[in-house]
């Protein structure tokens, strides 16, 4: 009989990282739809020019789906950054707590200092807002599954 603790996931950050490396169904579907939207004429022209599969992927398809890649990156970062339940289930050591758990612990104190709690909430929210503002152009292009390709 196998020991359940053989993976050494208890009180580590590994169960927070490894599931997100496998991808989510929404992200996979979004990328699939964008890759299906790459016109076949470009792929056929690259084959006629002698490009192999890797060259077609890296030089033709990947640049065309760049908005979708940025959208998936923003969604993934936002999901991992705002995750509260996963760290709550897997982490027992307070030194490994995420910022969201630390904010909850500070809220559960006997006397909650609301001003510090609100400043902490704003600081936790800041990276998500900054990331969105830097990649807003790609995010808006990538959140539209059809994109501008169908209109042209």
Protein backbone atom coordinates (compact mmCIF):
# COMPACT_ATOMS: atom_id res chain seq x y z
CA UNK A 1 0.00 0.00 0.00
CA UNK A 2 1.36 3.39 -0.98
CA UNK A 3 1.88 6.10 1.54
CA UNK A 4 -0.18 9.22 0.75
CA UNK A 5 2.62 11.45 2.04
CA UNK A 6 5.05 10.09 -0.58
CA UNK A 7 4.62 13.22 -2.70
CA UNK A 8 5.69 15.46 0.20
CA UNK A 9 3.00 18.01 -0.60
CA UNK A 10 1.89 18.57 2.99
CA UNK A 11 2.79 22.07 4.24
CA UNK A 12 4.71 22.98 1.08
CA UNK A 13 3.94 25.28 -1.83
CA UNK A 14 4.04 22.45 -4.39
CA UNK A 15 0.27 21.78 -4.39
CA UNK A 16 -0.22 25.46 -5.19
CA UNK A 17 2.16 25.42 -8.17
CA UNK A 18 1.90 22.02 -9.86
CA UNK A 19 -1.86 21.98 -10.70
CA UNK A 20 -1.57 25.36 -12.41
CA UNK A 21 1.23 24.11 -14.65
CA UNK A 22 -1.18 21.68 -16.29
CA UNK A 23 -3.49 24.43 -17.55
CA UNK A 24 -7.17 25.08 -17.18
CA UNK A 25 -9.93 24.03 -19.55
CA UNK A 26 -10.85 27.63 -20.38
CA UNK A 27 -7.27 28.55 -21.30
CA UNK A 28 -6.87 25.45 -23.46
CA UNK A 29 -10.15 26.15 -25.26
CA UNK A 30 -9.22 29.81 -25.82
CA UNK A 31 -5.84 28.91 -27.31
CA UNK A 32 -7.40 26.17 -29.43
CA UNK A 33 -9.89 28.62 -30.92
CA UNK A 34 -7.16 31.11 -31.72
CA UNK A 35 -4.93 28.48 -33.33
CA UNK A 36 -7.88 27.27 -35.43
CA UNK A 37 -8.30 30.87 -36.58
CA UNK A 38 -4.83 31.00 -38.17
CA UNK A 39 -5.54 31.11 -41.92
CA UNK A 40 -4.48 27.98 -43.80
CA UNK A 41 -3.09 30.07 -46.63
CA UNK A 42 -0.18 31.20 -44.44
CA UNK A 43 0.62 27.65 -43.40
CA UNK A 44 0.46 26.38 -46.98
CA UNK A 45 2.67 29.23 -48.20
CA UNK A 46 5.23 28.45 -45.50
CA UNK A 47 5.23 24.78 -46.51
CA UNK A 48 5.82 25.75 -50.13
CA UNK A 49 8.77 27.87 -49.01
CA UNK A 50 10.25 24.83 -47.26
CA UNK A 51 9.44 25.62 -43.61
CA UNK A 52 9.14 22.70 -41.22
CA UNK A 53 6.48 22.34 -38.52
CA UNK A 54 8.51 24.12 -35.83
CA UNK A 55 9.23 27.09 -38.10
CA UNK A 56 5.56 27.35 -39.03
CA UNK A 57 4.58 27.25 -35.37
CA UNK A 58 7.17 29.72 -34.04
CA UNK A 59 7.31 32.17 -36.97
CA UNK A 60 3.72 32.19 -38.23
CA UNK A 61 1.18 30.78 -35.78
CA UNK A 62 2.65 31.99 -32.48
CA UNK A 63 2.91 35.68 -33.48
CA UNK A 64 -0.67 35.58 -34.74
CA UNK A 65 -2.01 34.28 -31.42
CA UNK A 66 0.03 36.63 -29.23
CA UNK A 67 -3.12 38.41 -27.89
CA UNK A 68 -4.51 35.05 -26.75
CA UNK A 69 -1.23 34.16 -25.04
CA UNK A 70 -1.26 37.44 -23.12
CA UNK A 71 -4.91 36.89 -22.19
CA UNK A 72 -4.15 33.40 -20.88
CA UNK A 73 -1.18 34.78 -18.93
CA UNK A 74 -3.33 37.50 -17.34
CA UNK A 75 -6.13 35.07 -16.47
CA UNK A 76 -3.66 32.55 -15.03
CA UNK A 77 -1.83 35.15 -12.96
CA UNK A 78 -5.10 36.59 -11.68
CA UNK A 79 -6.41 33.15 -10.73
CA UNK A 80 -3.24 32.12 -8.92
CA UNK A 81 -2.75 35.49 -7.25
CA UNK A 82 -6.31 35.66 -5.89
CA UNK A 83 -6.47 32.01 -4.83
CA UNK A 84 -7.61 31.78 -1.23
CA UNK A 85 -9.03 28.29 -0.83
CA UNK A 86 -6.01 26.38 -2.19
CA UNK A 87 -3.50 27.86 0.27
CA UNK A 88 -6.06 27.56 3.06
CA UNK A 89 -6.37 23.82 2.42
CA UNK A 90 -2.72 22.96 1.85
CA UNK A 91 -0.67 25.28 4.05
CA UNK A 92 -0.40 24.85 7.79
CA UNK A 93 2.82 26.77 8.39
CA UNK A 94 2.17 30.50 8.80
CA UNK A 95 5.54 31.33 7.24
CA UNK A 96 4.23 29.92 3.91
CA UNK A 97 0.91 31.80 3.94
CA UNK A 98 0.03 33.81 0.88
CA UNK A 99 -0.87 37.48 1.15
CA UNK A 100 -4.59 36.69 1.07
CA UNK A 101 -4.27 34.28 4.01
CA UNK A 102 -2.14 36.80 5.89
CA UNK A 103 -4.84 39.41 5.39
CA UNK A 104 -7.45 36.98 6.70
CA UNK A 105 -5.33 36.20 9.76
CA UNK A 106 -4.93 39.89 10.49
CA UNK A 107 -8.71 40.30 10.15
CA UNK A 108 -9.34 37.50 12.65
CA UNK A 109 -7.44 39.28 15.40
CA UNK A 110 -9.44 40.35 18.42
CA UNK A 111 -9.31 44.03 17.46
CA UNK A 112 -9.35 44.54 13.73
CA UNK A 113 -7.61 47.69 12.60
CA UNK A 114 -9.64 48.47 9.52
CA UNK A 115 -7.29 51.09 8.16
CA UNK A 116 -4.41 48.59 7.96
CA UNK A 117 -6.74 45.97 6.53
CA UNK A 118 -7.85 48.32 3.73
CA UNK A 119 -4.26 49.33 2.92
CA UNK A 120 -3.31 45.65 2.79
CA UNK A 121 -6.22 44.93 0.45
CA UNK A 122 -5.15 47.76 -1.83
CA UNK A 123 -1.53 46.53 -1.90
CA UNK A 124 -2.68 43.00 -2.73
CA UNK A 125 -4.87 44.33 -5.54
CA UNK A 126 -2.14 46.59 -7.02
CA UNK A 127 -0.19 43.94 -9.03
CA UNK A 128 -3.34 42.78 -10.82
CA UNK A 129 -4.29 46.34 -11.78
CA UNK A 130 -0.74 47.18 -12.90
CA UNK A 131 -0.56 44.00 -14.99
CA UNK A 132 -3.88 44.81 -16.65
CA UNK A 133 -2.84 48.37 -17.52
CA UNK A 134 0.43 47.24 -19.09
CA UNK A 135 -1.20 44.52 -21.20
CA UNK A 136 -4.63 46.09 -21.71
CA UNK A 137 -4.28 46.19 -25.50
CA UNK A 138 -3.50 42.47 -25.75
CA UNK A 139 -6.11 41.54 -23.17
CA UNK A 140 -8.91 43.29 -25.04
CA UNK A 141 -7.80 41.75 -28.35
CA UNK A 142 -7.48 38.30 -26.79
CA UNK A 143 -10.77 38.33 -24.90
CA UNK A 144 -12.58 38.57 -28.24
CA UNK A 145 -12.32 35.01 -29.56
CA UNK A 146 -12.94 36.03 -33.16
CA UNK A 147 -10.68 39.05 -32.94
CA UNK A 148 -10.30 41.41 -35.87
CA UNK A 149 -9.44 38.59 -38.28
CA UNK A 150 -13.07 37.92 -39.22
CA UNK A 151 -13.83 41.57 -39.96
CA UNK A 152 -11.02 42.00 -42.52
